[in-house]
Amino acid sequence: VAMSVKKTGQPFHQNGIVVCEAENSNNVQNWAGEWQENMLAAGGAEFFESLLRKNGFFENSKIQEKNLPQNKTTLCVWGSSLKKDERVYSSFKKAGFEIVEIPIESGEVDTETLISKATKMCLEKLKAGRVVLTFESKGQHLDFLTDLTAKIVKSIFKERNVEELLIEGGSTASAIVRKMAWKTFEPTNELLPGVVRLKVANFPDLHLTVKPGSYPWPANFVKSG
């Protein structure tokens, strides 16, 4: 079976398997517009939503705007490998977040010492109420950092009652949830497609918000004031 990869704007041929590249929602919608009944479509939630819209089906529910509570102890974990630009740092700092960026050099890493150091740094900054945890890595594999992040978060929870946990990056969210042994969740808000705020069963004071690394944070969610 023939297989091809198509960039946005390239001619679309129906034969074989076609993998379509997309950088944004408009690209996804354009590719959905190429679908015909003799094709087997595969893709993520946003792609299938575009297919439904193309065929005249629209959702009844609306995205719920939500501001992150100001008076809650909040830990935000940037686990995505996507590099943040200064606008992201600036928006979180303006919202009252302290940025804790843990440096990790290439080579051997004393994991236990690093977990202890990162935990102490986050706990100190959490006294002000809002912290972002991220890494400045050089040569470390993403799997290592993902597991390390989950261990640090678990260590923080042993020492401090966190009321809002924000996680960017699907692999990081999965690792943290597994490490914390959380199994049951109740959705409370859909902030954007793919960005959901949840209550964690057996932790009545905790809300968990998860977001894919390639998606933006809702404009007003982390806004200060």
C-alpha atoms as a PDB file:
ATOM      1  CA  VAL A   1       0.000   0.000   0.000  1.00  0.00           C
ATOM      2  CA  ALA A   2       1.377   3.389  -1.003  1.00  0.00           C
ATOM      3  CA  MET A   3       1.982   5.881   1.815  1.00  0.00           C
ATOM      4  CA  SER A   4       2.627   9.605   1.553  1.00  0.00           C
ATOM      5  CA  VAL A   5       2.995  12.631   3.841  1.00  0.00           C
ATOM      6  CA  LYS A   6       1.303  15.844   2.748  1.00  0.00           C
ATOM      7  CA  LYS A   7       2.040  19.369   3.904  1.00  0.00           C
ATOM      8  CA  THR A   8      -0.687  21.989   4.083  1.00  0.00           C
ATOM      9  CA  GLY A   9      -1.601  23.203   0.617  1.00  0.00           C
ATOM     10  CA  GLN A  10      -0.168  20.239  -1.260  1.00  0.00           C
ATOM     11  CA  PRO A  11      -2.470  18.390  -3.677  1.00  0.00           C
ATOM     12  CA  PHE A  12      -4.431  15.634  -1.975  1.00  0.00           C
ATOM     13  CA  HIS A  13      -4.638  12.204  -3.600  1.00  0.00           C
ATOM     14  CA  GLN A  14      -7.015   9.519  -2.380  1.00  0.00           C
ATOM     15  CA  ASN A  15      -4.926   6.435  -3.124  1.00  0.00           C
ATOM     16  CA  GLY A  16      -3.156   4.588  -0.304  1.00  0.00           C
ATOM     17  CA  ILE A  17      -2.427   5.985   3.152  1.00  0.00           C
ATOM     18  CA  VAL A  18      -2.055   9.747   3.428  1.00  0.00           C
ATOM     19  CA  VAL A  19      -0.594  11.359   6.553  1.00  0.00           C
ATOM     20  CA  CYS A  20      -1.499  15.055   6.688  1.00  0.00           C
ATOM     21  CA  GLU A  21       0.653  17.557   8.565  1.00  0.00           C
ATOM     22  CA  ALA A  22      -1.060  20.278  10.600  1.00  0.00           C
ATOM     23  CA  GLU A  23       0.334  23.153  12.676  1.00  0.00           C
ATOM     24  CA  ASN A  24      -2.947  24.731  13.821  1.00  0.00           C
ATOM     25  CA  SER A  25      -6.724  24.369  13.900  1.00  0.00           C
ATOM     26  CA  ASN A  26      -7.178  25.889  10.438  1.00  0.00           C
ATOM     27  CA  ASN A  27      -4.925  23.203   8.953  1.00  0.00           C
ATOM     28  CA  VAL A  28      -6.955  20.475  10.689  1.00  0.00           C
ATOM     29  CA  GLN A  29     -10.203  21.937   9.368  1.00  0.00           C
ATOM     30  CA  ASN A  30      -8.802  22.156   5.837  1.00  0.00           C
ATOM     31  CA  TRP A  31      -7.770  18.500   5.875  1.00  0.00           C
ATOM     32  CA  ALA A  32     -11.183  17.490   7.212  1.00  0.00           C
ATOM     33  CA  GLY A  33     -12.643  19.280   4.199  1.00  0.00           C
ATOM     34  CA  GLU A  34     -10.837  16.783   1.940  1.00  0.00           C
ATOM     35  CA  TRP A  35     -12.648  13.798   3.453  1.00  0.00           C
ATOM     36  CA  GLN A  36     -15.043  11.819   1.276  1.00  0.00           C
ATOM     37  CA  GLU A  37     -17.283   8.838   2.001  1.00  0.00           C
ATOM     38  CA  ASN A  38     -14.922   6.313   0.408  1.00  0.00           C
ATOM     39  CA  MET A  39     -12.133   7.242   2.861  1.00  0.00           C
ATOM     40  CA  LEU A  40     -11.365   5.815   6.298  1.00  0.00           C
ATOM     41  CA  ALA A  41     -10.477   8.788   8.498  1.00  0.00           C
ATOM     42  CA  ALA A  42      -8.134   8.607  11.491  1.00  0.00           C
ATOM     43  CA  GLY A  43      -7.012  11.348  13.826  1.00  0.00           C
ATOM     44  CA  GLY A  44      -7.495  13.117  17.128  1.00  0.00           C
ATOM     45  CA  ALA A  45     -10.546  14.680  18.747  1.00  0.00           C
ATOM     46  CA  GLU A  46     -10.119  18.033  17.004  1.00  0.00           C
ATOM     47  CA  PHE A  47      -9.973  16.333  13.597  1.00  0.00           C
ATOM     48  CA  PHE A  48     -13.168  14.391  14.196  1.00  0.00           C
ATOM     49  CA  GLU A  49     -14.892  17.487  15.494  1.00  0.00           C
ATOM     50  CA  SER A  50     -13.952  19.155  12.202  1.00  0.00           C
ATOM     51  CA  LEU A  51     -15.381  16.179  10.292  1.00  0.00           C
ATOM     52  CA  LEU A  52     -18.665  16.455  12.186  1.00  0.00           C
ATOM     53  CA  ARG A  53     -18.867  20.189  11.508  1.00  0.00           C
ATOM     54  CA  LYS A  54     -18.177  19.555   7.829  1.00  0.00           C
ATOM     55  CA  ASN A  55     -21.233  17.280   7.772  1.00  0.00           C
ATOM     56  CA  GLY A  56     -23.512  19.706   9.577  1.00  0.00           C
ATOM     57  CA  PHE A  57     -23.226  18.473  13.170  1.00  0.00           C
ATOM     58  CA  PHE A  58     -22.486  21.011  15.898  1.00  0.00           C
ATOM     59  CA  GLU A  59     -22.089  20.663  19.670  1.00  0.00           C
ATOM     60  CA  ASN A  60     -24.691  22.150  21.994  1.00  0.00           C
ATOM     61  CA  SER A  61     -22.381  22.781  24.945  1.00  0.00           C
ATOM     62  CA  LYS A  62     -20.147  25.817  25.142  1.00  0.00           C
ATOM     63  CA  ILE A  63     -16.633  26.175  26.463  1.00  0.00           C
ATOM     64  CA  GLN A  64     -16.727  27.400  30.063  1.00  0.00           C
ATOM     65  CA  GLU A  65     -14.629  30.411  30.894  1.00  0.00           C
ATOM     66  CA  LYS A  66     -12.927  30.025  34.240  1.00  0.00           C
ATOM     67  CA  ASN A  67     -10.459  32.056  36.243  1.00  0.00           C
ATOM     68  CA  LEU A  68      -8.017  30.178  38.413  1.00  0.00           C
ATOM     69  CA  PRO A  69      -8.944  30.879  42.062  1.00  0.00           C
ATOM     70  CA  GLN A  70      -6.654  33.533  43.518  1.00  0.00           C
ATOM     71  CA  ASN A  71      -6.579  32.244  47.075  1.00  0.00           C
ATOM     72  CA  LYS A  72      -5.629  28.626  46.330  1.00  0.00           C
ATOM     73  CA  THR A  73      -2.186  27.050  46.645  1.00  0.00           C
ATOM     74  CA  THR A  74      -1.323  26.342  43.006  1.00  0.00           C
ATOM     75  CA  LEU A  75       1.413  24.213  41.458  1.00  0.00           C
ATOM     76  CA  CYS A  76       1.842  24.348  37.675  1.00  0.00           C
ATOM     77  CA  VAL A  77       4.101  21.735  36.058  1.00  0.00           C
ATOM     78  CA  TRP A  78       5.532  22.375  32.597  1.00  0.00           C
ATOM     79  CA  GLY A  79       6.375  18.870  31.474  1.00  0.00           C
ATOM     80  CA  SER A  80       6.140  19.420  27.736  1.00  0.00           C
ATOM     81  CA  SER A  81       9.360  19.277  25.705  1.00  0.00           C
ATOM     82  CA  LEU A  82       8.180  22.277  23.682  1.00  0.00           C
ATOM     83  CA  LYS A  83      10.279  25.344  24.406  1.00  0.00           C
ATOM     84  CA  LYS A  84       8.455  28.208  26.117  1.00  0.00           C
ATOM     85  CA  ASP A  85       8.779  31.695  24.750  1.00  0.00           C
ATOM     86  CA  GLU A  86       9.067  34.817  26.877  1.00  0.00           C
ATOM     87  CA  ARG A  87       5.366  35.595  26.507  1.00  0.00           C
ATOM     88  CA  VAL A  88       4.463  32.433  28.420  1.00  0.00           C
ATOM     89  CA  TYR A  89       6.919  33.227  31.211  1.00  0.00           C
ATOM     90  CA  SER A  90       5.680  36.809  31.331  1.00  0.00           C
ATOM     91  CA  SER A  91       1.991  35.877  31.520  1.00  0.00           C
ATOM     92  CA  PHE A  92       2.558  33.488  34.423  1.00  0.00           C
ATOM     93  CA  LYS A  93       4.786  35.949  36.284  1.00  0.00           C
ATOM     94  CA  LYS A  94       2.151  38.670  35.884  1.00  0.00           C
ATOM     95  CA  ALA A  95      -0.385  36.246  37.353  1.00  0.00           C
ATOM     96  CA  GLY A  96       1.734  35.912  40.492  1.00  0.00           C
ATOM     97  CA  PHE A  97       3.572  32.665  39.735  1.00  0.00           C
ATOM     98  CA  GLU A  98       7.120  32.099  40.919  1.00  0.00           C
ATOM     99  CA  ILE A  99       9.103  30.201  38.262  1.00  0.00           C
ATOM    100  CA  VAL A 100      11.225  27.375  39.671  1.00  0.00           C
ATOM    101  CA  GLU A 101      13.527  26.214  36.867  1.00  0.00           C
ATOM    102  CA  ILE A 102      15.627  23.237  37.939  1.00  0.00           C
ATOM    103  CA  PRO A 103      18.978  22.970  36.105  1.00  0.00           C
ATOM    104  CA  ILE A 104      20.025  19.457  35.076  1.00  0.00           C
ATOM    105  CA  GLU A 105      23.426  18.916  33.502  1.00  0.00           C
ATOM    106  CA  SER A 106      24.151  16.043  31.125  1.00  0.00           C
ATOM    107  CA  GLY A 107      25.723  12.905  32.541  1.00  0.00           C
ATOM    108  CA  GLU A 108      25.143  11.179  35.857  1.00  0.00           C
ATOM    109  CA  VAL A 109      22.405  12.650  38.041  1.00  0.00           C
ATOM    110  CA  ASP A 110      21.954  12.063  41.779  1.00  0.00           C
ATOM    111  CA  THR A 111      18.193  11.599  41.547  1.00  0.00           C
ATOM    112  CA  GLU A 112      17.383  11.601  45.249  1.00  0.00           C
ATOM    113  CA  THR A 113      19.404  14.759  45.887  1.00  0.00           C
ATOM    114  CA  LEU A 114      17.749  16.472  42.928  1.00  0.00           C
ATOM    115  CA  ILE A 115      14.249  15.506  44.119  1.00  0.00           C
ATOM    116  CA  SER A 116      15.030  16.835  47.597  1.00  0.00           C
ATOM    117  CA  LYS A 117      16.469  20.085  46.211  1.00  0.00           C
ATOM    118  CA  ALA A 118      13.548  20.680  43.818  1.00  0.00           C
ATOM    119  CA  THR A 119      11.006  19.891  46.538  1.00  0.00           C
ATOM    120  CA  LYS A 120      12.574  22.384  48.954  1.00  0.00           C
ATOM    121  CA  MET A 121      12.712  25.088  46.277  1.00  0.00           C
ATOM    122  CA  CYS A 122       9.049  24.590  45.353  1.00  0.00           C
ATOM    123  CA  LEU A 123       7.866  24.459  48.971  1.00  0.00           C
ATOM    124  CA  GLU A 124       9.664  27.717  49.726  1.00  0.00           C
ATOM    125  CA  LYS A 125       8.129  29.460  46.722  1.00  0.00           C
ATOM    126  CA  LEU A 126       4.687  27.989  47.421  1.00  0.00           C
ATOM    127  CA  LYS A 127       4.546  30.143  50.544  1.00  0.00           C
ATOM    128  CA  ALA A 128       3.582  32.935  48.131  1.00  0.00           C
ATOM    129  CA  GLY A 129       0.793  30.726  46.734  1.00  0.00           C
ATOM    130  CA  ARG A 130       1.675  30.044  43.078  1.00  0.00           C
ATOM    131  CA  VAL A 131       4.608  28.157  41.549  1.00  0.00           C
ATOM    132  CA  VAL A 132       5.609  26.891  38.111  1.00  0.00           C
ATOM    133  CA  LEU A 133       7.938  23.860  38.132  1.00  0.00           C
ATOM    134  CA  THR A 134      10.034  23.305  35.018  1.00  0.00           C
ATOM    135  CA  PHE A 135      13.499  22.118  34.002  1.00  0.00           C
ATOM    136  CA  GLU A 136      16.504  23.526  32.217  1.00  0.00           C
ATOM    137  CA  SER A 137      17.823  20.246  30.836  1.00  0.00           C
ATOM    138  CA  LYS A 138      20.965  19.539  28.840  1.00  0.00           C
ATOM    139  CA  GLY A 139      21.227  16.122  27.264  1.00  0.00           C
ATOM    140  CA  GLN A 140      18.669  14.320  29.403  1.00  0.00           C
ATOM    141  CA  HIS A 141      16.070  12.021  27.888  1.00  0.00           C
ATOM    142  CA  LEU A 142      12.449  13.118  28.142  1.00  0.00           C
ATOM    143  CA  ASP A 143      11.445   9.831  29.817  1.00  0.00           C
ATOM    144  CA  PHE A 144      13.934  10.507  32.611  1.00  0.00           C
ATOM    145  CA  LEU A 145      12.587  14.011  33.197  1.00  0.00           C
ATOM    146  CA  THR A 146       8.974  12.810  33.088  1.00  0.00           C
ATOM    147  CA  ASP A 147       9.587  10.220  35.796  1.00  0.00           C
ATOM    148  CA  LEU A 148      11.646  12.693  37.819  1.00  0.00           C
ATOM    149  CA  THR A 149       8.875  15.292  37.621  1.00  0.00           C
ATOM    150  CA  ALA A 150       6.298  12.815  38.917  1.00  0.00           C
ATOM    151  CA  LYS A 151       8.529  11.947  41.877  1.00  0.00           C
ATOM    152  CA  ILE A 152       9.053  15.625  42.724  1.00  0.00           C
ATOM    153  CA  VAL A 153       5.307  16.320  42.617  1.00  0.00           C
ATOM    154  CA  LYS A 154       4.626  13.359  44.906  1.00  0.00           C
ATOM    155  CA  SER A 155       7.314  14.628  47.269  1.00  0.00           C
ATOM    156  CA  ILE A 156       5.734  18.098  47.332  1.00  0.00           C
ATOM    157  CA  PHE A 157       2.286  16.651  48.086  1.00  0.00           C
ATOM    158  CA  LYS A 158       3.707  14.822  51.095  1.00  0.00           C
ATOM    159  CA  GLU A 159       4.729  18.162  52.596  1.00  0.00           C
ATOM    160  CA  ARG A 160       2.131  20.632  51.378  1.00  0.00           C
ATOM    161  CA  ASN A 161      -1.597  20.707  50.637  1.00  0.00           C
ATOM    162  CA  VAL A 162      -1.835  21.762  46.976  1.00  0.00           C
ATOM    163  CA  GLU A 163      -5.321  22.875  45.928  1.00  0.00           C
ATOM    164  CA  GLU A 164      -4.816  23.517  42.195  1.00  0.00           C
ATOM    165  CA  LEU A 165      -2.467  21.316  40.163  1.00  0.00           C
ATOM    166  CA  LEU A 166      -1.910  22.366  36.543  1.00  0.00           C
ATOM    167  CA  ILE A 167      -0.008  19.995  34.261  1.00  0.00           C
ATOM    168  CA  GLU A 168       1.194  20.733  30.753  1.00  0.00           C
ATOM    169  CA  GLY A 169       2.133  17.694  28.677  1.00  0.00           C
ATOM    170  CA  GLY A 170       0.238  14.429  28.283  1.00  0.00           C
ATOM    171  CA  SER A 171       3.115  12.134  29.256  1.00  0.00           C
ATOM    172  CA  THR A 172       3.843  14.211  32.331  1.00  0.00           C
ATOM    173  CA  ALA A 173       0.186  14.218  33.379  1.00  0.00           C
ATOM    174  CA  SER A 174      -0.008  10.436  32.964  1.00  0.00           C
ATOM    175  CA  ALA A 175       3.177   9.895  34.969  1.00  0.00           C
ATOM    176  CA  ILE A 176       2.037  12.146  37.832  1.00  0.00           C
ATOM    177  CA  VAL A 177      -1.444  10.625  38.012  1.00  0.00           C
ATOM    178  CA  ARG A 178       0.032   7.116  38.104  1.00  0.00           C
ATOM    179  CA  LYS A 179       2.643   8.054  40.698  1.00  0.00           C
ATOM    180  CA  MET A 180      -0.053   9.607  42.893  1.00  0.00           C
ATOM    181  CA  ALA A 181      -2.330   6.553  42.336  1.00  0.00           C
ATOM    182  CA  TRP A 182      -5.253   8.765  41.295  1.00  0.00           C
ATOM    183  CA  LYS A 183      -7.848   6.718  39.432  1.00  0.00           C
ATOM    184  CA  THR A 184     -11.185   8.557  39.555  1.00  0.00           C
ATOM    185  CA  PHE A 185     -11.920  12.083  38.337  1.00  0.00           C
ATOM    186  CA  GLU A 186     -14.970  14.305  37.922  1.00  0.00           C
ATOM    187  CA  PRO A 187     -14.803  16.921  35.134  1.00  0.00           C
ATOM    188  CA  THR A 188     -15.838  20.368  36.355  1.00  0.00           C
ATOM    189  CA  ASN A 189     -14.791  22.697  33.510  1.00  0.00           C
ATOM    190  CA  GLU A 190     -13.779  22.403  29.855  1.00  0.00           C
ATOM    191  CA  LEU A 191     -11.610  25.487  29.472  1.00  0.00           C
ATOM    192  CA  LEU A 192     -10.678  24.821  25.832  1.00  0.00           C
ATOM    193  CA  PRO A 193     -10.981  21.717  23.660  1.00  0.00           C
ATOM    194  CA  GLY A 194      -8.501  19.314  25.250  1.00  0.00           C
ATOM    195  CA  VAL A 195      -7.981  21.477  28.348  1.00  0.00           C
ATOM    196  CA  VAL A 196     -10.087  20.118  31.224  1.00  0.00           C
ATOM    197  CA  ARG A 197     -10.303  20.927  34.937  1.00  0.00           C
ATOM    198  CA  LEU A 198     -11.127  17.938  37.134  1.00  0.00           C
ATOM    199  CA  LYS A 199     -11.889  17.093  40.741  1.00  0.00           C
ATOM    200  CA  VAL A 200      -9.774  14.241  42.072  1.00  0.00           C
ATOM    201  CA  ALA A 201     -11.684  11.562  43.968  1.00  0.00           C
ATOM    202  CA  ASN A 202     -10.768  11.274  47.665  1.00  0.00           C
ATOM    203  CA  PHE A 203      -9.012  14.675  47.495  1.00  0.00           C
ATOM    204  CA  PRO A 204     -11.915  17.083  48.062  1.00  0.00           C
ATOM    205  CA  ASP A 205      -9.699  20.183  48.186  1.00  0.00           C
ATOM    206  CA  LEU A 206      -7.817  19.417  44.960  1.00  0.00           C
ATOM    207  CA  HIS A 207      -8.539  20.342  41.344  1.00  0.00           C
ATOM    208  CA  LEU A 208      -6.404  19.007  38.487  1.00  0.00           C
ATOM    209  CA  THR A 209      -6.137  20.784  35.129  1.00  0.00           C
ATOM    210  CA  VAL A 210      -4.376  19.025  32.239  1.00  0.00           C
ATOM    211  CA  LYS A 211      -3.301  20.478  28.899  1.00  0.00           C
ATOM    212  CA  PRO A 212      -1.402  19.098  25.884  1.00  0.00           C
ATOM    213  CA  GLY A 213       1.943  20.794  25.397  1.00  0.00           C
ATOM    214  CA  SER A 214       1.069  22.125  21.950  1.00  0.00           C
ATOM    215  CA  TYR A 215      -2.154  23.811  23.135  1.00  0.00           C
ATOM    216  CA  PRO A 216      -2.215  27.320  24.641  1.00  0.00           C
ATOM    217  CA  TRP A 217      -3.390  28.005  28.162  1.00  0.00           C
ATOM    218  CA  PRO A 218      -6.822  29.691  28.168  1.00  0.00           C
ATOM    219  CA  ALA A 219      -6.298  33.440  27.957  1.00  0.00           C
ATOM    220  CA  ASN A 220      -7.891  34.385  31.284  1.00  0.00           C
ATOM    221  CA  PHE A 221      -7.383  31.176  33.258  1.00  0.00           C
ATOM    222  CA  VAL A 222      -4.139  32.140  35.011  1.00  0.00           C
ATOM    223  CA  LYS A 223      -4.893  35.857  34.921  1.00  0.00           C
ATOM    224  CA  SER A 224      -4.159  37.834  38.068  1.00  0.00           C
ATOM    225  CA  GLY A 225      -6.929  39.863  39.692  1.00  0.00           C
END
